[in-house]
């Protein structure tokens, strides 16, 4: 171990410090690292559906494979419902969006909700924290609670999710992969309350081409257009991402940063190939 440390120090000394980015390039890299909401037809359709469930106070599920952009789309829906702050009054928060930890217990679920609403989590029994969570949700005028990664809920926690709807009559949305449906089958009452489901899928064809164009113009915004929708570049992106928005976003941001660090104002074909070769394509869906 000591020898390895000495060797590592010798190599580091020989190579010298890693050079810092030019100030202008660093500003661009920081901009590209910021997540921003891009309105897409697929996202708008989901938002319209969620809005109908919020107004009807109905529970539902949003199901889709990993990396299809469910998280971005659901969080963007929350951001469209801005909280209303009134002097001396609790904030009115129409939509709450949370991500929960693995093997999420009832107490952990309630704690995440309270923390999201910027209230202090107090110690107590599960029943006491449950009651406090219900009071906070009611006091903040919450109309919809979106629970992402819902397949992480412990089986016994689903009953508490169901009780949130029963006690407050607000819309509760469970977001997850097909695994969520399998986990829910153990509780007939939960299945009945969350019977409404929206399938959020991958994009293909002309929609994929339009999405790449939107990303180039509204997200990357490099000094010079890279023309990512030209046949060769589009085919590389299509084959590697297979229509997963999340993966496409990662690759394009990575490629944009790589190009800037090379001193180039746009993504060229070689840089796109270089970056995409570093990513593993998702497994093809069985038909």
C-alpha atoms as a PDB file:
ATOM      1  CA  UNK A   1       0.000   0.000   0.000  1.00  0.00           C
ATOM      2  CA  UNK A   2       2.854   2.383   0.905  1.00  0.00           C
ATOM      3  CA  UNK A   3       4.627   1.603  -2.383  1.00  0.00           C
ATOM      4  CA  UNK A   4       1.440   2.316  -4.359  1.00  0.00           C
ATOM      5  CA  UNK A   5       1.060   5.673  -2.583  1.00  0.00           C
ATOM      6  CA  UNK A   6       4.671   6.607  -3.405  1.00  0.00           C
ATOM      7  CA  UNK A   7       4.197   5.615  -7.044  1.00  0.00           C
ATOM      8  CA  UNK A   8       0.999   7.645  -7.266  1.00  0.00           C
ATOM      9  CA  UNK A   9       2.711  10.720  -5.779  1.00  0.00           C
ATOM     10  CA  UNK A  10       5.642  10.356  -8.184  1.00  0.00           C
ATOM     11  CA  UNK A  11       3.306  10.160 -11.191  1.00  0.00           C
ATOM     12  CA  UNK A  12       1.269  13.137  -9.980  1.00  0.00           C
ATOM     13  CA  UNK A  13       4.437  15.170  -9.456  1.00  0.00           C
ATOM     14  CA  UNK A  14       5.742  14.246 -12.892  1.00  0.00           C
ATOM     15  CA  UNK A  15       2.504  15.178 -14.639  1.00  0.00           C
ATOM     16  CA  UNK A  16       1.896  18.316 -12.575  1.00  0.00           C
ATOM     17  CA  UNK A  17      -1.393  19.892 -11.523  1.00  0.00           C
ATOM     18  CA  UNK A  18      -4.390  19.437 -13.790  1.00  0.00           C
ATOM     19  CA  UNK A  19      -4.792  22.764 -15.638  1.00  0.00           C
ATOM     20  CA  UNK A  20      -7.800  24.884 -14.740  1.00  0.00           C
ATOM     21  CA  UNK A  21     -10.392  25.674 -17.365  1.00  0.00           C
ATOM     22  CA  UNK A  22     -10.443  29.071 -19.040  1.00  0.00           C
ATOM     23  CA  UNK A  23     -12.883  31.327 -17.138  1.00  0.00           C
ATOM     24  CA  UNK A  24     -15.315  31.621 -20.060  1.00  0.00           C
ATOM     25  CA  UNK A  25     -15.274  27.857 -20.642  1.00  0.00           C
ATOM     26  CA  UNK A  26     -15.872  27.239 -16.919  1.00  0.00           C
ATOM     27  CA  UNK A  27     -18.944  29.499 -16.999  1.00  0.00           C
ATOM     28  CA  UNK A  28     -20.308  27.514 -19.965  1.00  0.00           C
ATOM     29  CA  UNK A  29     -19.593  24.185 -18.237  1.00  0.00           C
ATOM     30  CA  UNK A  30     -21.447  25.361 -15.119  1.00  0.00           C
ATOM     31  CA  UNK A  31     -24.393  26.397 -17.301  1.00  0.00           C
ATOM     32  CA  UNK A  32     -24.446  22.984 -18.999  1.00  0.00           C
ATOM     33  CA  UNK A  33     -24.410  21.262 -15.604  1.00  0.00           C
ATOM     34  CA  UNK A  34     -27.593  23.050 -14.537  1.00  0.00           C
ATOM     35  CA  UNK A  35     -30.735  21.044 -15.137  1.00  0.00           C
ATOM     36  CA  UNK A  36     -33.421  22.979 -16.948  1.00  0.00           C
ATOM     37  CA  UNK A  37     -36.941  22.149 -18.029  1.00  0.00           C
ATOM     38  CA  UNK A  38     -37.550  21.771 -21.765  1.00  0.00           C
ATOM     39  CA  UNK A  39     -41.201  21.691 -22.883  1.00  0.00           C
ATOM     40  CA  UNK A  40     -41.791  18.629 -25.043  1.00  0.00           C
ATOM     41  CA  UNK A  41     -44.985  17.225 -26.525  1.00  0.00           C
ATOM     42  CA  UNK A  42     -44.591  14.085 -24.407  1.00  0.00           C
ATOM     43  CA  UNK A  43     -44.104  16.130 -21.232  1.00  0.00           C
ATOM     44  CA  UNK A  44     -47.040  18.418 -22.003  1.00  0.00           C
ATOM     45  CA  UNK A  45     -49.314  15.403 -22.518  1.00  0.00           C
ATOM     46  CA  UNK A  46     -48.313  13.996 -19.108  1.00  0.00           C
ATOM     47  CA  UNK A  47     -48.858  17.388 -17.456  1.00  0.00           C
ATOM     48  CA  UNK A  48     -52.363  17.640 -18.932  1.00  0.00           C
ATOM     49  CA  UNK A  49     -53.143  14.180 -17.542  1.00  0.00           C
ATOM     50  CA  UNK A  50     -51.725  15.000 -14.097  1.00  0.00           C
ATOM     51  CA  UNK A  51     -53.669  18.253 -14.043  1.00  0.00           C
ATOM     52  CA  UNK A  52     -56.924  16.385 -14.655  1.00  0.00           C
ATOM     53  CA  UNK A  53     -56.108  14.045 -11.743  1.00  0.00           C
ATOM     54  CA  UNK A  54     -55.221  16.957  -9.450  1.00  0.00           C
ATOM     55  CA  UNK A  55     -58.471  18.737 -10.165  1.00  0.00           C
ATOM     56  CA  UNK A  56     -60.471  15.537  -9.688  1.00  0.00           C
ATOM     57  CA  UNK A  57     -58.459  14.645  -6.521  1.00  0.00           C
ATOM     58  CA  UNK A  58     -57.789  11.149  -7.910  1.00  0.00           C
ATOM     59  CA  UNK A  59     -54.905   8.816  -7.116  1.00  0.00           C
ATOM     60  CA  UNK A  60     -52.902   7.432 -10.021  1.00  0.00           C
ATOM     61  CA  UNK A  61     -49.621   5.951 -11.254  1.00  0.00           C
ATOM     62  CA  UNK A  62     -47.041   7.081 -13.805  1.00  0.00           C
ATOM     63  CA  UNK A  63     -45.181   4.051 -15.159  1.00  0.00           C
ATOM     64  CA  UNK A  64     -42.181   3.973 -17.469  1.00  0.00           C
ATOM     65  CA  UNK A  65     -38.776   2.431 -17.966  1.00  0.00           C
ATOM     66  CA  UNK A  66     -35.683   3.982 -16.380  1.00  0.00           C
ATOM     67  CA  UNK A  67     -34.103   6.956 -18.173  1.00  0.00           C
ATOM     68  CA  UNK A  68     -37.250   7.893 -20.087  1.00  0.00           C
ATOM     69  CA  UNK A  69     -37.372  11.267 -18.303  1.00  0.00           C
ATOM     70  CA  UNK A  70     -40.220  10.561 -15.839  1.00  0.00           C
ATOM     71  CA  UNK A  71     -38.409  12.312 -13.000  1.00  0.00           C
ATOM     72  CA  UNK A  72     -37.716  15.453 -15.030  1.00  0.00           C
ATOM     73  CA  UNK A  73     -41.294  15.559 -16.334  1.00  0.00           C
ATOM     74  CA  UNK A  74     -42.951  15.094 -12.920  1.00  0.00           C
ATOM     75  CA  UNK A  75     -40.678  17.601 -11.206  1.00  0.00           C
ATOM     76  CA  UNK A  76     -41.353  20.091 -14.002  1.00  0.00           C
ATOM     77  CA  UNK A  77     -45.085  19.720 -13.311  1.00  0.00           C
ATOM     78  CA  UNK A  78     -44.430  20.703  -9.688  1.00  0.00           C
ATOM     79  CA  UNK A  79     -42.415  23.730 -10.824  1.00  0.00           C
ATOM     80  CA  UNK A  80     -45.341  24.914 -12.946  1.00  0.00           C
ATOM     81  CA  UNK A  81     -47.433  25.118  -9.769  1.00  0.00           C
ATOM     82  CA  UNK A  82     -45.543  27.807  -7.901  1.00  0.00           C
ATOM     83  CA  UNK A  83     -46.039  28.070  -4.113  1.00  0.00           C
ATOM     84  CA  UNK A  84     -47.956  31.120  -2.858  1.00  0.00           C
ATOM     85  CA  UNK A  85     -46.412  32.894   0.130  1.00  0.00           C
ATOM     86  CA  UNK A  86     -48.679  35.044   2.282  1.00  0.00           C
ATOM     87  CA  UNK A  87     -47.412  37.221   5.120  1.00  0.00           C
ATOM     88  CA  UNK A  88     -47.890  35.510   8.468  1.00  0.00           C
ATOM     89  CA  UNK A  89     -49.457  32.429   6.859  1.00  0.00           C
ATOM     90  CA  UNK A  90     -48.064  29.009   5.909  1.00  0.00           C
ATOM     91  CA  UNK A  91     -47.110  28.844   2.208  1.00  0.00           C
ATOM     92  CA  UNK A  92     -49.734  27.387  -0.125  1.00  0.00           C
ATOM     93  CA  UNK A  93     -48.019  24.543  -2.003  1.00  0.00           C
ATOM     94  CA  UNK A  94     -50.408  23.012  -4.573  1.00  0.00           C
ATOM     95  CA  UNK A  95     -48.052  20.225  -5.711  1.00  0.00           C
ATOM     96  CA  UNK A  96     -45.395  18.368  -3.709  1.00  0.00           C
ATOM     97  CA  UNK A  97     -42.808  16.203  -5.490  1.00  0.00           C
ATOM     98  CA  UNK A  98     -40.512  13.921  -3.471  1.00  0.00           C
ATOM     99  CA  UNK A  99     -37.978  11.168  -4.108  1.00  0.00           C
ATOM    100  CA  UNK A 100     -37.815   8.505  -1.431  1.00  0.00           C
ATOM    101  CA  UNK A 101     -34.946   6.333  -0.125  1.00  0.00           C
ATOM    102  CA  UNK A 102     -34.529   2.596  -0.596  1.00  0.00           C
ATOM    103  CA  UNK A 103     -36.742   0.367   1.577  1.00  0.00           C
ATOM    104  CA  UNK A 104     -38.720   3.451   2.592  1.00  0.00           C
ATOM    105  CA  UNK A 105     -40.528   3.035   5.907  1.00  0.00           C
ATOM    106  CA  UNK A 106     -43.617   5.052   6.922  1.00  0.00           C
ATOM    107  CA  UNK A 107     -41.538   7.269   9.220  1.00  0.00           C
ATOM    108  CA  UNK A 108     -39.014   7.963   6.426  1.00  0.00           C
ATOM    109  CA  UNK A 109     -41.823   8.806   3.997  1.00  0.00           C
ATOM    110  CA  UNK A 110     -43.386  11.301   6.410  1.00  0.00           C
ATOM    111  CA  UNK A 111     -39.994  12.855   7.176  1.00  0.00           C
ATOM    112  CA  UNK A 112     -39.250  13.438   3.473  1.00  0.00           C
ATOM    113  CA  UNK A 113     -42.640  15.135   3.013  1.00  0.00           C
ATOM    114  CA  UNK A 114     -42.157  17.408   6.027  1.00  0.00           C
ATOM    115  CA  UNK A 115     -38.610  18.344   4.993  1.00  0.00           C
ATOM    116  CA  UNK A 116     -39.754  19.137   1.439  1.00  0.00           C
ATOM    117  CA  UNK A 117     -42.278  21.592   2.860  1.00  0.00           C
ATOM    118  CA  UNK A 118     -39.444  23.130   4.935  1.00  0.00           C
ATOM    119  CA  UNK A 119     -40.845  22.137   8.304  1.00  0.00           C
ATOM    120  CA  UNK A 120     -38.682  20.715  11.056  1.00  0.00           C
ATOM    121  CA  UNK A 121     -38.871  16.959  11.542  1.00  0.00           C
ATOM    122  CA  UNK A 122     -39.582  16.280  15.202  1.00  0.00           C
ATOM    123  CA  UNK A 123     -38.892  13.111  17.113  1.00  0.00           C
ATOM    124  CA  UNK A 124     -41.777  10.856  18.029  1.00  0.00           C
ATOM    125  CA  UNK A 125     -43.578   7.649  17.235  1.00  0.00           C
ATOM    126  CA  UNK A 126     -44.657   6.794  13.700  1.00  0.00           C
ATOM    127  CA  UNK A 127     -48.242   7.691  14.626  1.00  0.00           C
ATOM    128  CA  UNK A 128     -47.180  11.127  15.941  1.00  0.00           C
ATOM    129  CA  UNK A 129     -45.095  11.901  12.836  1.00  0.00           C
ATOM    130  CA  UNK A 130     -47.954  10.661  10.622  1.00  0.00           C
ATOM    131  CA  UNK A 131     -50.397  13.052  12.290  1.00  0.00           C
ATOM    132  CA  UNK A 132     -47.945  15.929  12.007  1.00  0.00           C
ATOM    133  CA  UNK A 133     -47.441  15.189   8.291  1.00  0.00           C
ATOM    134  CA  UNK A 134     -51.179  15.202   7.659  1.00  0.00           C
ATOM    135  CA  UNK A 135     -51.499  18.552   9.489  1.00  0.00           C
ATOM    136  CA  UNK A 136     -48.636  20.054   7.479  1.00  0.00           C
ATOM    137  CA  UNK A 137     -50.047  18.828   4.151  1.00  0.00           C
ATOM    138  CA  UNK A 138     -53.462  20.243   5.029  1.00  0.00           C
ATOM    139  CA  UNK A 139     -52.034  23.524   6.344  1.00  0.00           C
ATOM    140  CA  UNK A 140     -50.042  24.053   3.134  1.00  0.00           C
ATOM    141  CA  UNK A 141     -53.086  23.411   0.967  1.00  0.00           C
ATOM    142  CA  UNK A 142     -51.412  20.541  -0.883  1.00  0.00           C
ATOM    143  CA  UNK A 143     -53.624  19.188  -3.661  1.00  0.00           C
ATOM    144  CA  UNK A 144     -51.248  16.614  -5.147  1.00  0.00           C
ATOM    145  CA  UNK A 145     -48.408  14.545  -3.666  1.00  0.00           C
ATOM    146  CA  UNK A 146     -46.076  12.963  -6.247  1.00  0.00           C
ATOM    147  CA  UNK A 147     -43.921  10.114  -4.891  1.00  0.00           C
ATOM    148  CA  UNK A 148     -41.067   9.215  -7.258  1.00  0.00           C
ATOM    149  CA  UNK A 149     -39.224   5.868  -7.099  1.00  0.00           C
ATOM    150  CA  UNK A 150     -42.376   4.534  -5.434  1.00  0.00           C
ATOM    151  CA  UNK A 151     -41.256   0.921  -5.895  1.00  0.00           C
ATOM    152  CA  UNK A 152     -38.813   1.675  -3.046  1.00  0.00           C
ATOM    153  CA  UNK A 153     -41.710   1.785  -0.569  1.00  0.00           C
ATOM    154  CA  UNK A 154     -41.800  -1.048   1.925  1.00  0.00           C
ATOM    155  CA  UNK A 155     -44.993  -3.109   1.563  1.00  0.00           C
ATOM    156  CA  UNK A 156     -46.379  -1.816   4.878  1.00  0.00           C
ATOM    157  CA  UNK A 157     -45.763   1.816   3.780  1.00  0.00           C
ATOM    158  CA  UNK A 158     -48.328   1.533   0.976  1.00  0.00           C
ATOM    159  CA  UNK A 159     -51.077   1.519   3.600  1.00  0.00           C
ATOM    160  CA  UNK A 160     -49.871   4.907   4.880  1.00  0.00           C
ATOM    161  CA  UNK A 161     -49.811   6.270   1.332  1.00  0.00           C
ATOM    162  CA  UNK A 162     -53.380   5.081   0.913  1.00  0.00           C
ATOM    163  CA  UNK A 163     -54.342   6.721   4.221  1.00  0.00           C
ATOM    164  CA  UNK A 164     -52.990  10.104   3.075  1.00  0.00           C
ATOM    165  CA  UNK A 165     -55.600  10.058   0.318  1.00  0.00           C
ATOM    166  CA  UNK A 166     -58.331   8.756   2.608  1.00  0.00           C
ATOM    167  CA  UNK A 167     -57.706  11.418   5.282  1.00  0.00           C
ATOM    168  CA  UNK A 168     -57.038  14.480   3.136  1.00  0.00           C
ATOM    169  CA  UNK A 169     -58.741  13.591  -0.167  1.00  0.00           C
ATOM    170  CA  UNK A 170     -55.771  14.845  -2.175  1.00  0.00           C
ATOM    171  CA  UNK A 171     -54.368  13.301  -5.323  1.00  0.00           C
ATOM    172  CA  UNK A 172     -51.441  10.956  -4.645  1.00  0.00           C
ATOM    173  CA  UNK A 173     -49.269   9.955  -7.617  1.00  0.00           C
ATOM    174  CA  UNK A 174     -46.944   6.948  -7.527  1.00  0.00           C
ATOM    175  CA  UNK A 175     -44.118   7.127 -10.072  1.00  0.00           C
ATOM    176  CA  UNK A 176     -41.947   4.134 -10.964  1.00  0.00           C
ATOM    177  CA  UNK A 177     -41.044   1.352 -13.344  1.00  0.00           C
ATOM    178  CA  UNK A 178     -43.097  -1.779 -14.062  1.00  0.00           C
ATOM    179  CA  UNK A 179     -41.689  -3.152 -10.807  1.00  0.00           C
ATOM    180  CA  UNK A 180     -44.084  -0.803  -8.987  1.00  0.00           C
ATOM    181  CA  UNK A 181     -47.080  -2.696 -10.379  1.00  0.00           C
ATOM    182  CA  UNK A 182     -45.635  -5.971  -9.100  1.00  0.00           C
ATOM    183  CA  UNK A 183     -44.996  -4.544  -5.630  1.00  0.00           C
ATOM    184  CA  UNK A 184     -48.526  -3.153  -5.406  1.00  0.00           C
ATOM    185  CA  UNK A 185     -50.284  -6.429  -6.227  1.00  0.00           C
ATOM    186  CA  UNK A 186     -49.938  -7.523  -2.580  1.00  0.00           C
ATOM    187  CA  UNK A 187     -52.428  -4.880  -1.408  1.00  0.00           C
ATOM    188  CA  UNK A 188     -55.839  -5.036  -3.081  1.00  0.00           C
ATOM    189  CA  UNK A 189     -57.018  -1.735  -1.554  1.00  0.00           C
ATOM    190  CA  UNK A 190     -53.937   0.098  -2.844  1.00  0.00           C
ATOM    191  CA  UNK A 191     -54.455  -1.408  -6.325  1.00  0.00           C
ATOM    192  CA  UNK A 192     -58.064  -0.237  -6.336  1.00  0.00           C
ATOM    193  CA  UNK A 193     -57.193   3.345  -5.338  1.00  0.00           C
ATOM    194  CA  UNK A 194     -54.307   3.604  -7.817  1.00  0.00           C
ATOM    195  CA  UNK A 195     -55.986   1.879 -10.738  1.00  0.00           C
ATOM    196  CA  UNK A 196     -55.552   4.873 -13.093  1.00  0.00           C
ATOM    197  CA  UNK A 197     -52.202   4.618 -14.879  1.00  0.00           C
ATOM    198  CA  UNK A 198     -50.216   6.653 -17.424  1.00  0.00           C
ATOM    199  CA  UNK A 199     -47.532   4.985 -19.541  1.00  0.00           C
ATOM    200  CA  UNK A 200     -44.553   7.312 -20.069  1.00  0.00           C
ATOM    201  CA  UNK A 201     -42.443   5.834 -22.845  1.00  0.00           C
ATOM    202  CA  UNK A 202     -39.471   6.390 -25.084  1.00  0.00           C
ATOM    203  CA  UNK A 203     -39.465   8.704 -28.084  1.00  0.00           C
ATOM    204  CA  UNK A 204     -38.846   7.662 -31.680  1.00  0.00           C
ATOM    205  CA  UNK A 205     -39.073   8.734 -35.309  1.00  0.00           C
ATOM    206  CA  UNK A 206     -39.689  12.409 -36.010  1.00  0.00           C
ATOM    207  CA  UNK A 207     -40.319  13.113 -32.318  1.00  0.00           C
ATOM    208  CA  UNK A 208     -36.769  11.972 -31.517  1.00  0.00           C
ATOM    209  CA  UNK A 209     -35.376  14.258 -34.240  1.00  0.00           C
ATOM    210  CA  UNK A 210     -37.422  17.220 -32.961  1.00  0.00           C
ATOM    211  CA  UNK A 211     -36.262  16.548 -29.400  1.00  0.00           C
ATOM    212  CA  UNK A 212     -32.570  16.514 -30.402  1.00  0.00           C
ATOM    213  CA  UNK A 213     -33.121  19.814 -32.223  1.00  0.00           C
ATOM    214  CA  UNK A 214     -34.804  21.334 -29.156  1.00  0.00           C
ATOM    215  CA  UNK A 215     -31.904  20.157 -26.944  1.00  0.00           C
ATOM    216  CA  UNK A 216     -29.337  21.719 -29.278  1.00  0.00           C
ATOM    217  CA  UNK A 217     -31.125  25.073 -29.374  1.00  0.00           C
ATOM    218  CA  UNK A 218     -32.542  25.369 -25.860  1.00  0.00           C
ATOM    219  CA  UNK A 219     -30.185  23.343 -23.628  1.00  0.00           C
ATOM    220  CA  UNK A 220     -26.720  23.182 -25.222  1.00  0.00           C
ATOM    221  CA  UNK A 221     -26.801  26.649 -26.845  1.00  0.00           C
ATOM    222  CA  UNK A 222     -23.187  26.408 -28.027  1.00  0.00           C
ATOM    223  CA  UNK A 223     -21.623  29.354 -29.928  1.00  0.00           C
ATOM    224  CA  UNK A 224     -22.027  27.527 -33.249  1.00  0.00           C
ATOM    225  CA  UNK A 225     -24.781  25.064 -34.187  1.00  0.00           C
ATOM    226  CA  UNK A 226     -23.573  21.452 -34.257  1.00  0.00           C
ATOM    227  CA  UNK A 227     -26.342  20.336 -36.648  1.00  0.00           C
ATOM    228  CA  UNK A 228     -27.017  17.282 -34.487  1.00  0.00           C
ATOM    229  CA  UNK A 229     -30.021  16.331 -36.624  1.00  0.00           C
ATOM    230  CA  UNK A 230     -27.876  15.636 -39.694  1.00  0.00           C
ATOM    231  CA  UNK A 231     -28.216  11.928 -40.627  1.00  0.00           C
ATOM    232  CA  UNK A 232     -24.858  10.610 -39.324  1.00  0.00           C
ATOM    233  CA  UNK A 233     -25.038  12.327 -35.942  1.00  0.00           C
ATOM    234  CA  UNK A 234     -28.714  11.581 -35.468  1.00  0.00           C
ATOM    235  CA  UNK A 235     -28.163   7.898 -36.240  1.00  0.00           C
ATOM    236  CA  UNK A 236     -25.374   7.681 -33.633  1.00  0.00           C
ATOM    237  CA  UNK A 237     -27.641   9.246 -30.999  1.00  0.00           C
ATOM    238  CA  UNK A 238     -30.641   7.130 -31.986  1.00  0.00           C
ATOM    239  CA  UNK A 239     -28.687   3.849 -31.813  1.00  0.00           C
ATOM    240  CA  UNK A 240     -26.984   4.644 -28.515  1.00  0.00           C
ATOM    241  CA  UNK A 241     -29.947   6.123 -26.620  1.00  0.00           C
ATOM    242  CA  UNK A 242     -32.751   4.039 -28.172  1.00  0.00           C
ATOM    243  CA  UNK A 243     -35.092   6.926 -27.476  1.00  0.00           C
ATOM    244  CA  UNK A 244     -34.351   7.394 -23.766  1.00  0.00           C
ATOM    245  CA  UNK A 245     -34.497  11.137 -23.060  1.00  0.00           C
ATOM    246  CA  UNK A 246     -32.441  10.885 -19.863  1.00  0.00           C
ATOM    247  CA  UNK A 247     -29.560   9.129 -21.641  1.00  0.00           C
ATOM    248  CA  UNK A 248     -29.713  11.509 -24.589  1.00  0.00           C
ATOM    249  CA  UNK A 249     -29.486  14.469 -22.205  1.00  0.00           C
ATOM    250  CA  UNK A 250     -26.418  12.994 -20.459  1.00  0.00           C
ATOM    251  CA  UNK A 251     -24.596  12.280 -23.731  1.00  0.00           C
ATOM    252  CA  UNK A 252     -25.287  15.677 -25.316  1.00  0.00           C
ATOM    253  CA  UNK A 253     -24.258  17.673 -22.232  1.00  0.00           C
ATOM    254  CA  UNK A 254     -21.114  15.539 -21.925  1.00  0.00           C
ATOM    255  CA  UNK A 255     -20.283  16.022 -25.615  1.00  0.00           C
ATOM    256  CA  UNK A 256     -20.846  19.794 -25.386  1.00  0.00           C
ATOM    257  CA  UNK A 257     -18.465  20.089 -22.423  1.00  0.00           C
ATOM    258  CA  UNK A 258     -15.901  17.877 -24.188  1.00  0.00           C
ATOM    259  CA  UNK A 259     -16.045  20.094 -27.292  1.00  0.00           C
ATOM    260  CA  UNK A 260     -15.589  23.291 -25.268  1.00  0.00           C
ATOM    261  CA  UNK A 261     -12.587  21.832 -23.443  1.00  0.00           C
ATOM    262  CA  UNK A 262     -11.058  21.018 -26.853  1.00  0.00           C
ATOM    263  CA  UNK A 263     -11.454  24.670 -27.795  1.00  0.00           C
ATOM    264  CA  UNK A 264     -14.230  23.969 -30.305  1.00  0.00           C
ATOM    265  CA  UNK A 265     -17.421  26.088 -30.568  1.00  0.00           C
ATOM    266  CA  UNK A 266     -19.587  23.086 -31.483  1.00  0.00           C
ATOM    267  CA  UNK A 267     -19.836  19.282 -31.234  1.00  0.00           C
ATOM    268  CA  UNK A 268     -18.214  17.628 -34.226  1.00  0.00           C
ATOM    269  CA  UNK A 269     -18.801  14.061 -35.406  1.00  0.00           C
ATOM    270  CA  UNK A 270     -15.587  12.703 -33.858  1.00  0.00           C
ATOM    271  CA  UNK A 271     -16.374  14.175 -30.428  1.00  0.00           C
ATOM    272  CA  UNK A 272     -19.900  12.762 -30.518  1.00  0.00           C
ATOM    273  CA  UNK A 273     -18.524   9.316 -31.416  1.00  0.00           C
ATOM    274  CA  UNK A 274     -15.894   9.589 -28.672  1.00  0.00           C
ATOM    275  CA  UNK A 275     -18.493  10.400 -26.008  1.00  0.00           C
ATOM    276  CA  UNK A 276     -21.161   7.915 -27.100  1.00  0.00           C
ATOM    277  CA  UNK A 277     -18.587   5.098 -27.118  1.00  0.00           C
ATOM    278  CA  UNK A 278     -18.138   5.664 -23.373  1.00  0.00           C
ATOM    279  CA  UNK A 279     -21.823   4.958 -22.633  1.00  0.00           C
ATOM    280  CA  UNK A 280     -23.546   1.590 -22.461  1.00  0.00           C
ATOM    281  CA  UNK A 281     -26.682   1.340 -24.566  1.00  0.00           C
ATOM    282  CA  UNK A 282     -29.803   0.313 -22.630  1.00  0.00           C
ATOM    283  CA  UNK A 283     -31.023  -3.247 -23.170  1.00  0.00           C
ATOM    284  CA  UNK A 284     -33.561  -3.536 -25.940  1.00  0.00           C
ATOM    285  CA  UNK A 285     -37.123  -4.002 -24.759  1.00  0.00           C
ATOM    286  CA  UNK A 286     -38.549  -7.462 -25.336  1.00  0.00           C
ATOM    287  CA  UNK A 287     -41.614  -7.373 -27.531  1.00  0.00           C
END
